[in-house]
């Protein structure tokens, strides 16, 4: 399984997207969501949503249909 970046989103939207993709049986993970939590800037760092490279076109279509902005 090769991971591909779906996009970078604010922390809350990234987790909503991960859940939305999971509801469509597309496994996804959010990376970097805990970055810089110690200094309080974690809300400023975009979170990468990663999916399997084979699922990337379907994931992009789902996000586009939902209106999630990158």
Protein backbone atom coordinates (compact mmCIF):
# COMPACT_ATOMS: atom_id res chain seq x y z
CA UNK A 1 0.00 0.00 0.00
CA UNK A 2 1.46 3.32 -1.07
CA UNK A 3 0.05 6.39 0.61
CA UNK A 4 -0.88 9.46 -1.40
CA UNK A 5 -1.72 12.89 -0.06
CA UNK A 6 -5.33 13.85 -0.63
CA UNK A 7 -4.77 17.36 0.67
CA UNK A 8 -3.91 19.57 3.61
CA UNK A 9 -6.75 20.85 5.73
CA UNK A 10 -7.33 22.54 9.04
CA UNK A 11 -7.36 20.08 11.91
CA UNK A 12 -11.12 19.77 12.34
CA UNK A 13 -11.90 19.49 8.65
CA UNK A 14 -9.21 16.83 8.24
CA UNK A 15 -10.92 14.60 10.79
CA UNK A 16 -14.32 15.19 9.19
CA UNK A 17 -12.85 14.14 5.84
CA UNK A 18 -11.27 11.01 7.35
CA UNK A 19 -14.69 10.06 8.76
CA UNK A 20 -16.47 10.80 5.49
CA UNK A 21 -14.04 8.64 3.55
CA UNK A 22 -14.37 5.85 6.11
CA UNK A 23 -18.14 5.91 5.56
CA UNK A 24 -17.40 5.14 1.89
CA UNK A 25 -15.00 2.30 2.84
CA UNK A 26 -11.94 4.31 1.89
CA UNK A 27 -9.33 4.06 4.65
CA UNK A 28 -7.70 7.40 5.41
CA UNK A 29 -5.41 8.79 8.07
CA UNK A 30 -4.64 12.27 9.30
CA UNK A 31 -0.95 13.04 9.70
CA UNK A 32 0.66 15.93 11.57
CA UNK A 33 -2.40 16.56 13.74
CA UNK A 34 -0.30 16.49 16.89
CA UNK A 35 2.56 18.59 15.54
CA UNK A 36 3.63 21.43 17.82
CA UNK A 37 0.94 20.69 20.39
CA UNK A 38 3.40 21.55 23.15
CA UNK A 39 3.81 25.18 22.08
CA UNK A 40 0.14 25.76 21.28
CA UNK A 41 0.50 26.27 17.54
CA UNK A 42 -1.02 22.94 16.50
CA UNK A 43 -4.15 24.65 15.16
CA UNK A 44 -2.03 26.62 12.69
CA UNK A 45 -0.34 23.61 11.09
CA UNK A 46 -2.27 22.00 8.19
CA UNK A 47 -3.08 18.33 8.65
CA UNK A 48 -2.33 15.99 5.76
CA UNK A 49 -5.06 13.52 4.86
CA UNK A 50 -3.53 10.41 3.33
CA UNK A 51 -5.22 7.59 1.42
CA UNK A 52 -4.05 4.58 -0.52
CA UNK A 53 -2.82 5.68 -3.93
CA UNK A 54 -5.38 3.40 -5.59
CA UNK A 55 -8.19 5.16 -3.69
CA UNK A 56 -7.02 8.69 -4.49
CA UNK A 57 -9.32 9.35 -7.49
CA UNK A 58 -12.40 8.15 -5.59
CA UNK A 59 -11.41 10.13 -2.50
CA UNK A 60 -10.93 13.29 -4.58
CA UNK A 61 -14.37 12.82 -6.12
CA UNK A 62 -15.99 12.44 -2.70
CA UNK A 63 -14.26 15.55 -1.37
CA UNK A 64 -15.13 17.54 -4.49
CA UNK A 65 -18.79 16.53 -4.18
CA UNK A 66 -18.80 17.61 -0.54
CA UNK A 67 -17.27 21.01 -1.24
CA UNK A 68 -14.23 20.64 1.06
CA UNK A 69 -11.75 23.36 0.18
CA UNK A 70 -8.04 22.71 0.27
